[in-house]
Amino acid sequence: MSLPKTLVIVETDPRNSARPAEAIRIAAGIGVWKKTDVTLLLRGPVAGYSLQEYADELVDEDNFTRYLPLVAESPRPIYLEDSFTDLAALEGSPWKYEIISAAKTAGLLCVNDYLIRL
């Protein structure tokens, strides 16, 4: 039997809100249970800043430095929707990520059993 799938979507700016850091903490926490297969999607024009090289510029930076490595250990990359256009801000990012279209985002919504949106 396969594990249920959980999609965690971040749509807020990690430079101004603690919500992205909390979403990453939640994704890491439920991922280590091995009771659900967790996917992280950064969506919109600002959520991609979560992947920048230096977490000290982000709200609640401890959650990024502590939990983003756990999320990144997943066999799939972190998904970054192409609505984030400031790719220059991610130069030097240590995280593996894959840029996807809005259509692929719709596909992710369809194949996951659970959704956490912050």
Protein backbone atom coordinates (compact mmCIF):
# COMPACT_ATOMS: atom_id res chain seq x y z
CA MET A 1 0.00 0.00 0.00
CA SER A 2 1.38 3.41 -0.91
CA LEU A 3 1.55 6.30 1.49
CA PRO A 4 -0.97 9.12 1.29
CA LYS A 5 0.44 12.26 -0.31
CA THR A 6 0.52 15.71 1.27
CA LEU A 7 1.17 18.92 -0.64
CA VAL A 8 2.41 21.91 1.37
CA ILE A 9 1.94 25.18 -0.50
CA VAL A 10 3.68 28.40 0.51
CA GLU A 11 2.38 31.60 -1.08
CA THR A 12 3.58 34.34 1.27
CA ASP A 13 6.79 36.37 1.44
CA PRO A 14 9.35 34.85 3.85
CA ARG A 15 11.00 38.27 4.20
CA ASN A 16 7.84 39.73 5.78
CA SER A 17 5.90 36.80 7.25
CA ALA A 18 6.63 33.84 9.51
CA ARG A 19 4.11 31.68 7.61
CA PRO A 20 6.65 30.25 5.11
CA ALA A 21 9.01 29.26 7.91
CA GLU A 22 6.13 27.58 9.74
CA ALA A 23 5.08 25.74 6.58
CA ILE A 24 8.60 24.41 6.14
CA ARG A 25 8.69 23.33 9.79
CA ILE A 26 5.39 21.50 9.32
CA ALA A 27 6.54 19.85 6.08
CA ALA A 28 9.72 18.63 7.74
CA GLY A 29 7.86 17.45 10.84
CA ILE A 30 5.26 15.38 9.06
CA GLY A 31 7.79 14.13 6.53
CA VAL A 32 9.95 12.46 9.17
CA TRP A 33 6.96 10.45 10.41
CA LYS A 34 7.10 8.47 7.16
CA LYS A 35 3.28 8.21 7.33
CA THR A 36 2.77 10.55 4.37
CA ASP A 37 4.74 11.50 1.29
CA VAL A 38 5.33 15.29 1.54
CA THR A 39 5.84 17.69 -1.37
CA LEU A 40 6.71 21.38 -0.90
CA LEU A 41 5.50 23.92 -3.47
CA LEU A 42 6.53 27.58 -3.40
CA ARG A 43 3.93 29.49 -5.37
CA GLY A 44 3.43 33.10 -6.39
CA PRO A 45 5.67 36.09 -6.94
CA VAL A 46 7.41 36.08 -3.52
CA ALA A 47 7.42 32.61 -1.93
CA GLY A 48 10.54 31.60 -3.86
CA TYR A 49 12.66 33.82 -1.63
CA SER A 50 12.44 30.93 0.86
CA LEU A 51 15.21 29.26 -1.17
CA GLN A 52 17.67 32.14 -1.15
CA GLU A 53 21.18 31.45 0.02
CA TYR A 54 21.10 33.41 3.29
CA ALA A 55 18.26 32.70 5.70
CA ASP A 56 19.25 35.59 7.97
CA GLU A 57 17.22 37.88 5.70
CA LEU A 58 14.04 35.85 6.35
CA VAL A 59 11.51 36.04 9.18
CA ASP A 60 11.99 33.18 11.66
CA GLU A 61 15.30 32.19 10.07
CA ASP A 62 15.87 29.34 12.56
CA ASN A 63 13.07 27.33 10.98
CA PHE A 64 14.70 27.71 7.57
CA THR A 65 18.16 26.68 8.74
CA ARG A 66 16.87 23.82 10.89
CA TYR A 67 14.04 22.37 8.77
CA LEU A 68 14.64 23.22 5.12
CA PRO A 69 17.52 20.69 4.96
CA LEU A 70 15.10 17.97 6.12
CA VAL A 71 12.59 18.91 3.41
CA ALA A 72 15.37 19.00 0.81
CA GLU A 73 16.33 15.39 1.65
CA SER A 74 13.15 14.25 -0.06
CA PRO A 75 13.69 12.24 -3.25
CA ARG A 76 11.86 14.96 -5.21
CA PRO A 77 12.96 18.56 -5.51
CA ILE A 78 11.20 21.48 -3.91
CA TYR A 79 8.82 22.83 -6.54
CA LEU A 80 8.95 26.51 -7.46
CA GLU A 81 6.11 27.80 -9.61
CA ASP A 82 7.18 29.91 -12.55
CA SER A 83 5.15 32.83 -11.16
CA PHE A 84 8.32 33.59 -9.17
CA THR A 85 10.42 35.58 -11.62
CA ASP A 86 13.32 36.88 -9.49
CA LEU A 87 15.57 33.90 -10.20
CA ALA A 88 18.64 36.10 -9.73
CA ALA A 89 17.80 36.13 -6.00
CA LEU A 90 18.30 32.35 -5.95
CA GLU A 91 21.81 32.36 -7.39
CA GLY A 92 23.97 30.46 -4.93
CA SER A 93 20.97 28.70 -3.39
CA PRO A 94 22.07 25.42 -1.82
CA TRP A 95 18.63 23.84 -2.35
CA LYS A 96 17.57 21.59 -5.18
CA TYR A 97 14.42 22.95 -6.75
CA GLU A 98 12.49 22.53 -9.95
CA ILE A 99 10.62 25.33 -11.68
CA ILE A 100 7.14 24.23 -12.73
CA SER A 101 4.25 25.77 -14.63
CA ALA A 102 0.81 26.59 -13.26
CA ALA A 103 -0.48 23.56 -15.18
CA LYS A 104 1.94 21.30 -13.28
CA THR A 105 0.77 22.93 -10.04
CA ALA A 106 -2.79 21.96 -10.97
CA GLY A 107 -1.56 18.42 -11.54
CA LEU A 108 0.04 18.35 -8.10
CA LEU A 109 -3.23 19.46 -6.54
CA CYS A 110 -4.98 16.56 -8.23
CA VAL A 111 -2.58 13.78 -7.19
CA ASN A 112 -2.19 14.69 -3.53
CA ASP A 113 -4.53 13.42 -0.83
CA TYR A 114 -3.99 16.31 1.60
CA LEU A 115 -3.24 20.01 1.23
CA ILE A 116 -1.63 22.41 3.69
CA ARG A 117 -1.63 25.99 2.42
CA LEU A 118 0.18 28.78 4.25
